[in-house]
Amino acid sequence: MAGYVYIVTNHKHGTLYIGVTSDLERRIYEHREALTPGFTSKYGCKQLVWYEEFWNIQDAIQREKSLKRWYRKWKIDLIEKMNPDWRDLYYELG
């Protein structure tokens, strides 16, 4: 099964949330609609600003764990390498 690691935020250089899922479009929709109480709904993290696809969900989970240990600056650099304008990538899925 494929997997995705993703970062959502509330605004450019704002609060960052890193997650993993097998269905990126569905999961980001859940964040956008605040369907699950928790960190992202509390801080308004609804904009998809970065993601990475993996052929194996286990590889995605490992990458997520690794990214969560990164310094904030490294995460921002990762986002800006793929998405320098911090546009919401949700609209570009599918």
N, C-alpha and C. Protein backbone atom coordinates (compact mmCIF):
# COMPACT_ATOMS: atom_id res chain seq x y z
N MET A 1 0.84 -1.18 0.00
CA MET A 1 0.00 0.00 0.00
C MET A 1 0.88 1.24 0.00
N ALA A 2 0.51 2.22 -0.79
CA ALA A 2 1.25 3.48 -0.87
C ALA A 2 1.01 4.31 0.38
N GLY A 3 1.89 5.25 0.60
CA GLY A 3 1.75 6.15 1.74
C GLY A 3 2.28 7.52 1.43
N TYR A 4 1.84 8.49 2.21
CA TYR A 4 2.24 9.87 2.05
C TYR A 4 2.64 10.44 3.40
N VAL A 5 3.67 11.25 3.39
CA VAL A 5 4.02 12.09 4.53
C VAL A 5 3.68 13.51 4.09
N TYR A 6 3.11 14.30 4.98
CA TYR A 6 2.67 15.63 4.58
C TYR A 6 2.88 16.62 5.71
N ILE A 7 2.91 17.90 5.34
CA ILE A 7 2.96 18.99 6.31
C ILE A 7 1.82 19.94 6.02
N VAL A 8 1.04 20.24 7.05
CA VAL A 8 0.00 21.26 6.96
C VAL A 8 0.36 22.39 7.92
N THR A 9 -0.16 23.58 7.62
CA THR A 9 0.13 24.75 8.44
C THR A 9 -1.10 25.65 8.49
N ASN A 10 -1.05 26.65 9.38
CA ASN A 10 -2.13 27.62 9.45
C ASN A 10 -1.83 28.86 8.62
N HIS A 11 -0.56 29.14 8.38
CA HIS A 11 -0.13 30.24 7.51
C HIS A 11 1.37 30.13 7.30
N LYS A 12 1.90 30.90 6.35
CA LYS A 12 3.32 30.86 6.04
C LYS A 12 4.15 31.06 7.30
N HIS A 13 5.08 30.15 7.54
CA HIS A 13 5.96 30.15 8.70
C HIS A 13 5.19 30.02 10.01
N GLY A 14 3.97 29.50 9.93
CA GLY A 14 3.14 29.32 11.13
C GLY A 14 3.38 27.97 11.79
N THR A 15 2.36 27.51 12.47
CA THR A 15 2.40 26.21 13.14
C THR A 15 2.47 25.11 12.08
N LEU A 16 3.35 24.14 12.31
CA LEU A 16 3.52 23.03 11.37
C LEU A 16 3.05 21.74 12.01
N TYR A 17 2.38 20.93 11.20
CA TYR A 17 1.97 19.59 11.64
C TYR A 17 2.43 18.60 10.58
N ILE A 18 3.09 17.54 11.01
CA ILE A 18 3.55 16.49 10.11
C ILE A 18 2.71 15.25 10.36
N GLY A 19 2.19 14.69 9.28
CA GLY A 19 1.37 13.49 9.40
C GLY A 19 1.70 12.48 8.32
N VAL A 20 1.07 11.31 8.44
CA VAL A 20 1.24 10.23 7.46
C VAL A 20 -0.14 9.64 7.17
N THR A 21 -0.35 9.23 5.92
CA THR A 21 -1.64 8.67 5.53
C THR A 21 -1.48 7.81 4.28
N SER A 22 -2.47 6.97 4.04
CA SER A 22 -2.51 6.21 2.79
C SER A 22 -3.42 6.88 1.77
N ASP A 23 -4.18 7.88 2.19
CA ASP A 23 -5.11 8.60 1.31
C ASP A 23 -4.96 10.10 1.57
N LEU A 24 -4.07 10.74 0.83
CA LEU A 24 -3.72 12.13 1.09
C LEU A 24 -4.90 13.07 0.90
N GLU A 25 -5.62 12.93 -0.18
CA GLU A 25 -6.73 13.85 -0.46
C GLU A 25 -7.79 13.78 0.65
N ARG A 26 -8.15 12.57 1.07
CA ARG A 26 -9.14 12.40 2.15
C ARG A 26 -8.64 13.00 3.46
N ARG A 27 -7.38 12.73 3.78
CA ARG A 27 -6.84 13.19 5.07
C ARG A 27 -6.75 14.71 5.12
N ILE A 28 -6.33 15.34 4.04
CA ILE A 28 -6.25 16.80 4.04
C ILE A 28 -7.65 17.40 4.11
N TYR A 29 -8.62 16.78 3.46
CA TYR A 29 -10.01 17.23 3.58
C TYR A 29 -10.44 17.20 5.04
N GLU A 30 -10.09 16.14 5.75
CA GLU A 30 -10.43 16.03 7.18
C GLU A 30 -9.80 17.17 7.98
N HIS A 31 -8.56 17.51 7.67
CA HIS A 31 -7.91 18.65 8.35
C HIS A 31 -8.63 19.95 8.01
N ARG A 32 -8.95 20.15 6.75
CA ARG A 32 -9.58 21.40 6.30
C ARG A 32 -10.94 21.62 6.96
N GLU A 33 -11.66 20.53 7.16
CA GLU A 33 -13.00 20.61 7.74
C GLU A 33 -13.00 20.43 9.26
N ALA A 34 -11.81 20.27 9.85
CA ALA A 34 -11.66 20.06 11.31
C ALA A 34 -12.55 18.92 11.79
N LEU A 35 -12.55 17.81 11.06
CA LEU A 35 -13.40 16.68 11.38
C LEU A 35 -12.90 15.86 12.56
N THR A 36 -11.62 15.98 12.86
CA THR A 36 -11.04 15.24 13.97
C THR A 36 -10.50 16.22 15.00
N PRO A 37 -11.02 16.16 16.23
CA PRO A 37 -10.48 17.07 17.25
C PRO A 37 -9.01 16.73 17.53
N GLY A 38 -8.23 17.75 17.78
CA GLY A 38 -6.82 17.52 18.07
C GLY A 38 -5.99 18.73 17.69
N PHE A 39 -4.70 18.47 17.50
CA PHE A 39 -3.72 19.53 17.27
C PHE A 39 -4.08 20.41 16.08
N THR A 40 -4.37 19.79 14.92
CA THR A 40 -4.59 20.60 13.72
C THR A 40 -5.86 21.43 13.80
N SER A 41 -6.90 20.90 14.40
CA SER A 41 -8.12 21.71 14.53
C SER A 41 -7.94 22.81 15.57
N LYS A 42 -7.18 22.52 16.62
CA LYS A 42 -6.92 23.53 17.66
C LYS A 42 -6.13 24.72 17.10
N TYR A 43 -5.14 24.43 16.26
CA TYR A 43 -4.27 25.49 15.73
C TYR A 43 -4.63 25.93 14.31
N GLY A 44 -5.67 25.38 13.74
CA GLY A 44 -6.13 25.80 12.42
C GLY A 44 -5.20 25.42 11.28
N CYS A 45 -4.52 24.30 11.42
CA CYS A 45 -3.61 23.83 10.36
C CYS A 45 -4.42 23.15 9.27
N LYS A 46 -4.68 23.89 8.19
CA LYS A 46 -5.55 23.39 7.12
C LYS A 46 -4.91 23.44 5.75
N GLN A 47 -3.77 24.10 5.62
CA GLN A 47 -3.14 24.28 4.31
C GLN A 47 -2.04 23.23 4.11
N LEU A 48 -2.19 22.45 3.06
CA LEU A 48 -1.17 21.48 2.68
C LEU A 48 -0.04 22.22 1.97
N VAL A 49 1.15 22.22 2.57
CA VAL A 49 2.27 22.96 1.97
C VAL A 49 3.41 22.06 1.49
N TRP A 50 3.38 20.77 1.86
CA TRP A 50 4.43 19.85 1.43
C TRP A 50 3.93 18.43 1.58
N TYR A 51 4.35 17.57 0.66
CA TYR A 51 4.08 16.13 0.82
C TYR A 51 5.09 15.33 0.02
N GLU A 52 5.18 14.07 0.38
CA GLU A 52 6.09 13.14 -0.28
C GLU A 52 5.37 11.80 -0.38
N GLU A 53 5.45 11.16 -1.53
CA GLU A 53 4.78 9.88 -1.75
C GLU A 53 5.78 8.72 -1.63
N PHE A 54 5.31 7.62 -1.08
CA PHE A 54 6.12 6.41 -0.93
C PHE A 54 5.34 5.22 -1.45
N TRP A 55 6.04 4.25 -2.00
CA TRP A 55 5.39 3.03 -2.48
C TRP A 55 4.92 2.17 -1.33
N ASN A 56 5.55 2.30 -0.19
CA ASN A 56 5.26 1.45 0.96
C ASN A 56 4.90 2.33 2.16
N ILE A 57 3.79 2.06 2.81
CA ILE A 57 3.35 2.87 3.95
C ILE A 57 4.38 2.82 5.09
N GLN A 58 5.08 1.70 5.22
CA GLN A 58 6.09 1.60 6.28
C GLN A 58 7.22 2.61 6.06
N ASP A 59 7.60 2.83 4.81
CA ASP A 59 8.63 3.83 4.50
C ASP A 59 8.12 5.23 4.82
N ALA A 60 6.84 5.48 4.55
CA ALA A 60 6.25 6.78 4.87
C ALA A 60 6.23 7.01 6.38
N ILE A 61 5.90 6.00 7.14
CA ILE A 61 5.87 6.11 8.60
C ILE A 61 7.27 6.41 9.13
N GLN A 62 8.27 5.73 8.59
CA GLN A 62 9.65 5.97 9.01
C GLN A 62 10.09 7.40 8.69
N ARG A 63 9.72 7.88 7.51
CA ARG A 63 10.06 9.26 7.12
C ARG A 63 9.37 10.27 8.04
N GLU A 64 8.10 10.02 8.38
CA GLU A 64 7.38 10.90 9.30
C GLU A 64 8.11 10.98 10.64
N LYS A 65 8.49 9.86 11.18
CA LYS A 65 9.19 9.83 12.47
C LYS A 65 10.50 10.61 12.39
N SER A 66 11.20 10.46 11.28
CA SER A 66 12.46 11.17 11.08
C SER A 66 12.22 12.68 11.03
N LEU A 67 11.24 13.12 10.22
CA LEU A 67 10.96 14.56 10.08
C LEU A 67 10.54 15.20 11.40
N LYS A 68 9.83 14.47 12.22
CA LYS A 68 9.37 15.02 13.50
C LYS A 68 10.55 15.33 14.43
N ARG A 69 11.70 14.71 14.18
CA ARG A 69 12.90 14.99 14.99
C ARG A 69 13.73 16.13 14.42
N TRP A 70 13.40 16.61 13.23
CA TRP A 70 14.16 17.69 12.59
C TRP A 70 13.94 19.01 13.31
N TYR A 71 14.94 19.89 13.19
CA TYR A 71 14.79 21.27 13.65
C TYR A 71 13.74 21.97 12.78
N ARG A 72 13.08 22.95 13.35
CA ARG A 72 12.05 23.70 12.62
C ARG A 72 12.61 24.32 11.33
N LYS A 73 13.81 24.88 11.41
CA LYS A 73 14.41 25.50 10.22
C LYS A 73 14.56 24.50 9.09
N TRP A 74 14.95 23.28 9.40
CA TRP A 74 15.10 22.26 8.37
C TRP A 74 13.75 21.96 7.72
N LYS A 75 12.69 21.93 8.51
CA LYS A 75 11.35 21.67 7.97
C LYS A 75 10.92 22.81 7.05
N ILE A 76 11.19 24.04 7.46
CA ILE A 76 10.85 25.19 6.62
C ILE A 76 11.64 25.15 5.32
N ASP A 77 12.93 24.81 5.41
CA ASP A 77 13.74 24.68 4.19
C ASP A 77 13.19 23.60 3.27
N LEU A 78 12.73 22.49 3.83
CA LEU A 78 12.15 21.40 3.05
C LEU A 78 10.89 21.89 2.31
N ILE A 79 10.03 22.60 3.01
CA ILE A 79 8.81 23.15 2.41
C ILE A 79 9.18 24.11 1.28
N GLU A 80 10.09 25.03 1.56
CA GLU A 80 10.41 26.08 0.60
C GLU A 80 11.15 25.55 -0.63
N LYS A 81 11.81 24.40 -0.50
CA LYS A 81 12.45 23.79 -1.67
C LYS A 81 11.38 23.31 -2.66
N MET A 82 10.29 22.74 -2.16
CA MET A 82 9.22 22.23 -3.01
C MET A 82 8.18 23.31 -3.33
N ASN A 83 7.96 24.20 -2.38
CA ASN A 83 6.83 25.12 -2.45
C ASN A 83 7.24 26.49 -1.90
N PRO A 84 8.08 27.23 -2.62
CA PRO A 84 8.63 28.49 -2.08
C PRO A 84 7.58 29.55 -1.74
N ASP A 85 6.41 29.49 -2.37
CA ASP A 85 5.36 30.48 -2.10
C ASP A 85 4.39 30.02 -1.02
N TRP A 86 4.58 28.82 -0.49
CA TRP A 86 3.71 28.26 0.54
C TRP A 86 2.25 28.23 0.06
N ARG A 87 2.04 27.93 -1.23
CA ARG A 87 0.67 27.85 -1.72
C ARG A 87 0.02 26.57 -1.18
N ASP A 88 -1.29 26.55 -1.14
CA ASP A 88 -2.03 25.40 -0.64
C ASP A 88 -2.08 24.34 -1.74
N LEU A 89 -1.36 23.25 -1.56
CA LEU A 89 -1.24 22.21 -2.56
C LEU A 89 -2.47 21.32 -2.65
N TYR A 90 -3.40 21.47 -1.74
CA TYR A 90 -4.61 20.66 -1.76
C TYR A 90 -5.33 20.78 -3.10
N TYR A 91 -5.35 21.98 -3.64
CA TYR A 91 -6.06 22.22 -4.89
C TYR A 91 -5.37 21.61 -6.10
N GLU A 92 -4.14 21.14 -5.91
CA GLU A 92 -3.38 20.54 -7.00
C GLU A 92 -3.38 19.00 -6.95
N LEU A 93 -4.02 18.43 -5.94
CA LEU A 93 -4.09 16.98 -5.81
C LEU A 93 -5.11 16.42 -6.80
N GLY A 94 -4.87 15.21 -7.25
CA GLY A 94 -5.84 14.49 -8.10
C GLY A 94 -6.10 15.21 -9.35
